[in-house]
C-alpha atoms as a PDB file:
ATOM      1  CA  VAL A   1       8.198 -32.403  -5.517  1.00  0.00           C
ATOM      2  CA  GLN A   2      10.427 -34.749  -3.586  1.00  0.00           C
ATOM      3  CA  LEU A   3      13.336 -33.388  -1.605  1.00  0.00           C
ATOM      4  CA  GLN A   4      16.358 -35.382  -0.516  1.00  0.00           C
ATOM      5  CA  ALA A   5      18.639 -33.692   1.997  1.00  0.00           C
ATOM      6  CA  SER A   6      22.142 -34.783   2.858  1.00  0.00           C
ATOM      7  CA  GLY A   7      25.018 -33.565   4.963  1.00  0.00           C
ATOM      8  CA  ARG A   8      24.100 -34.479   8.523  1.00  0.00           C
ATOM      9  CA  GLY A   9      26.900 -34.627  10.970  1.00  0.00           C
ATOM     10  CA  LEU A  10      28.702 -33.895  14.186  1.00  0.00           C
ATOM     11  CA  VAL A  11      30.932 -30.832  13.978  1.00  0.00           C
ATOM     12  CA  GLN A  12      33.031 -29.004  16.511  1.00  0.00           C
ATOM     13  CA  ALA A  13      32.279 -25.384  17.292  1.00  0.00           C
ATOM     14  CA  GLY A  14      33.978 -23.156  14.769  1.00  0.00           C
ATOM     15  CA  GLY A  15      33.797 -25.800  12.094  1.00  0.00           C
ATOM     16  CA  SER A  16      31.962 -25.916   8.791  1.00  0.00           C
ATOM     17  CA  LEU A  17      29.467 -28.144   7.074  1.00  0.00           C
ATOM     18  CA  ARG A  18      27.543 -28.003   3.827  1.00  0.00           C
ATOM     19  CA  LEU A  19      24.008 -29.292   3.547  1.00  0.00           C
ATOM     20  CA  SER A  20      22.560 -30.249   0.183  1.00  0.00           C
ATOM     21  CA  CYS A  21      18.994 -30.782  -0.904  1.00  0.00           C
ATOM     22  CA  GLU A  22      18.191 -32.275  -4.267  1.00  0.00           C
ATOM     23  CA  ALA A  23      14.715 -31.825  -5.687  1.00  0.00           C
ATOM     24  CA  SER A  24      12.906 -34.008  -8.141  1.00  0.00           C
ATOM     25  CA  GLY A  25       9.511 -34.043  -9.733  1.00  0.00           C
ATOM     26  CA  ASN A  26       8.947 -30.509 -10.961  1.00  0.00           C
ATOM     27  CA  THR A  27      10.498 -27.289 -12.257  1.00  0.00           C
ATOM     28  CA  PHE A  28      13.096 -26.571  -9.637  1.00  0.00           C
ATOM     29  CA  SER A  29      13.959 -23.132 -10.959  1.00  0.00           C
ATOM     30  CA  ALA A  30      10.407 -21.884 -10.303  1.00  0.00           C
ATOM     31  CA  TYR A  31      10.583 -22.618  -6.601  1.00  0.00           C
ATOM     32  CA  THR A  32      11.752 -20.620  -3.637  1.00  0.00           C
ATOM     33  CA  MET A  33      14.047 -22.941  -1.744  1.00  0.00           C
ATOM     34  CA  SER A  34      14.565 -22.617   1.972  1.00  0.00           C
ATOM     35  CA  TRP A  35      16.280 -24.215   4.908  1.00  0.00           C
ATOM     36  CA  TYR A  36      14.523 -24.358   8.251  1.00  0.00           C
ATOM     37  CA  ARG A  37      15.701 -25.811  11.524  1.00  0.00           C
ATOM     38  CA  GLN A  38      14.024 -27.125  14.614  1.00  0.00           C
ATOM     39  CA  ASP A  39      15.216 -27.969  18.084  1.00  0.00           C
ATOM     40  CA  PRO A  40      13.147 -30.348  20.201  1.00  0.00           C
ATOM     41  CA  GLY A  41      10.454 -28.385  22.003  1.00  0.00           C
ATOM     42  CA  LYS A  42      10.908 -25.335  19.822  1.00  0.00           C
ATOM     43  CA  GLN A  43       9.173 -23.992  16.764  1.00  0.00           C
ATOM     44  CA  ARG A  44      10.636 -24.583  13.347  1.00  0.00           C
ATOM     45  CA  GLU A  45      12.456 -21.447  12.250  1.00  0.00           C
ATOM     46  CA  LEU A  46      13.562 -20.154   8.890  1.00  0.00           C
ATOM     47  CA  VAL A  47      17.317 -20.200   8.480  1.00  0.00           C
ATOM     48  CA  ALA A  48      17.732 -19.002   4.897  1.00  0.00           C
ATOM     49  CA  SER A  49      15.859 -18.828   1.625  1.00  0.00           C
ATOM     50  CA  ILE A  50      16.653 -18.203  -2.015  1.00  0.00           C
ATOM     51  CA  ASP A  51      14.051 -17.411  -4.620  1.00  0.00           C
ATOM     52  CA  SER A  52      13.962 -18.016  -8.349  1.00  0.00           C
ATOM     53  CA  SER A  53      15.900 -14.806  -8.940  1.00  0.00           C
ATOM     54  CA  SER A  54      18.527 -15.963  -6.431  1.00  0.00           C
ATOM     55  CA  THR A  55      17.529 -13.283  -3.976  1.00  0.00           C
ATOM     56  CA  THR A  56      18.513 -14.524  -0.550  1.00  0.00           C
ATOM     57  CA  ASN A  57      17.190 -13.980   2.934  1.00  0.00           C
ATOM     58  CA  TYR A  58      18.776 -15.015   6.223  1.00  0.00           C
ATOM     59  CA  ALA A  59      17.846 -15.270   9.849  1.00  0.00           C
ATOM     60  CA  VAL A  60      19.745 -12.705  11.883  1.00  0.00           C
ATOM     61  CA  SER A  61      21.355 -15.467  13.929  1.00  0.00           C
ATOM     62  CA  VAL A  62      23.131 -16.943  10.904  1.00  0.00           C
ATOM     63  CA  MET A  63      23.845 -13.832   8.866  1.00  0.00           C
ATOM     64  CA  GLY A  64      27.490 -13.656   7.877  1.00  0.00           C
ATOM     65  CA  ARG A  65      28.077 -17.312   8.755  1.00  0.00           C
ATOM     66  CA  PHE A  66      25.716 -19.245   6.498  1.00  0.00           C
ATOM     67  CA  THR A  67      25.335 -18.998   2.743  1.00  0.00           C
ATOM     68  CA  ILE A  68      22.460 -20.407   0.745  1.00  0.00           C
ATOM     69  CA  SER A  69      22.903 -21.073  -2.952  1.00  0.00           C
ATOM     70  CA  ARG A  70      21.223 -23.011  -5.706  1.00  0.00           C
ATOM     71  CA  ASP A  71      22.263 -24.878  -8.824  1.00  0.00           C
ATOM     72  CA  ASN A  72      19.286 -25.059 -11.153  1.00  0.00           C
ATOM     73  CA  ASP A  73      21.124 -27.418 -13.487  1.00  0.00           C
ATOM     74  CA  LYS A  74      21.427 -29.922 -10.658  1.00  0.00           C
ATOM     75  CA  ASP A  75      18.076 -29.123  -9.017  1.00  0.00           C
ATOM     76  CA  THR A  76      19.949 -28.671  -5.793  1.00  0.00           C
ATOM     77  CA  VAL A  77      20.052 -26.093  -3.038  1.00  0.00           C
ATOM     78  CA  TYR A  78      22.978 -25.812  -0.671  1.00  0.00           C
ATOM     79  CA  LEU A  79      23.522 -24.364   2.764  1.00  0.00           C
ATOM     80  CA  GLN A  80      27.146 -23.649   3.547  1.00  0.00           C
ATOM     81  CA  MET A  81      27.524 -23.253   7.288  1.00  0.00           C
ATOM     82  CA  ASN A  82      30.699 -21.739   8.700  1.00  0.00           C
ATOM     83  CA  SER A  83      31.756 -20.709  12.192  1.00  0.00           C
ATOM     84  CA  LEU A  84      29.264 -23.141  13.636  1.00  0.00           C
ATOM     85  CA  LYS A  85      28.078 -22.659  17.177  1.00  0.00           C
ATOM     86  CA  PRO A  86      26.489 -25.121  19.617  1.00  0.00           C
ATOM     87  CA  GLU A  87      23.247 -23.180  19.283  1.00  0.00           C
ATOM     88  CA  ASP A  88      23.157 -24.180  15.608  1.00  0.00           C
ATOM     89  CA  THR A  89      22.460 -27.732  16.744  1.00  0.00           C
ATOM     90  CA  ALA A  90      19.106 -28.748  15.319  1.00  0.00           C
ATOM     91  CA  VAL A  91      17.371 -30.828  12.717  1.00  0.00           C
ATOM     92  CA  TYR A  92      17.562 -28.974   9.417  1.00  0.00           C
ATOM     93  CA  TYR A  93      14.750 -29.214   6.883  1.00  0.00           C
ATOM     94  CA  CYS A  94      14.727 -28.337   3.224  1.00  0.00           C
ATOM     95  CA  ASN A  95      11.603 -26.666   1.848  1.00  0.00           C
ATOM     96  CA  ALA A  96      10.427 -25.927  -1.672  1.00  0.00           C
ATOM     97  CA  LYS A  97       7.613 -23.483  -2.318  1.00  0.00           C
ATOM     98  CA  SER A  98       6.153 -22.926  -5.740  1.00  0.00           C
ATOM     99  CA  GLU A  99       6.182 -19.216  -6.562  1.00  0.00           C
ATOM    100  CA  ALA A 100       3.152 -19.756  -8.816  1.00  0.00           C
ATOM    101  CA  THR A 101       0.865 -21.902  -6.672  1.00  0.00           C
ATOM    102  CA  ARG A 102       2.394 -21.374  -3.211  1.00  0.00           C
ATOM    103  CA  CYS A 103       2.324 -25.132  -2.668  1.00  0.00           C
ATOM    104  CA  SER A 104       5.007 -26.110  -0.181  1.00  0.00           C
ATOM    105  CA  TYR A 105       6.980 -29.310   0.137  1.00  0.00           C
ATOM    106  CA  TRP A 106       9.282 -30.578   2.861  1.00  0.00           C
ATOM    107  CA  GLY A 107      12.247 -32.871   2.813  1.00  0.00           C
ATOM    108  CA  GLN A 108      13.186 -35.209   5.594  1.00  0.00           C
ATOM    109  CA  GLY A 109      15.214 -33.579   8.314  1.00  0.00           C
ATOM    110  CA  THR A 110      18.949 -33.887   8.616  1.00  0.00           C
ATOM    111  CA  LYS A 111      20.532 -33.677  12.040  1.00  0.00           C
ATOM    112  CA  LEU A 112      23.376 -31.305  12.826  1.00  0.00           C
ATOM    113  CA  THR A 113      25.122 -31.430  16.173  1.00  0.00           C
ATOM    114  CA  VAL A 114      27.724 -28.813  17.037  1.00  0.00           C
ATOM    115  CA  SER A 115      29.845 -29.705  20.027  1.00  0.00           C
ATOM    116  CA  SER A 116      31.493 -27.087  22.203  1.00  0.00           C
END
């Protein structure tokens, strides 16, 4: 599975941005798709995930502000980020995990900077 993320940018606090991650190479609908983020010097943390049944899970810090969704026809997962805060600044990574084999794949990171 290859993952191509897009949507990096510089946004002011309170603004919005949508990240996209397009997958290729396998059966997208059978994967749990997730977004992680990582600040320099910190551990990578799960931001949100959506499984093949479209059940979602969010980090407490983004609940109510971020929405993860998927379009299986386009093999794409989205992360809509609203009410952005400076602490959301990080490199965001897309992840695909096969629900059958548990094999995990990572996309390249996309940088988000939220200015105060």
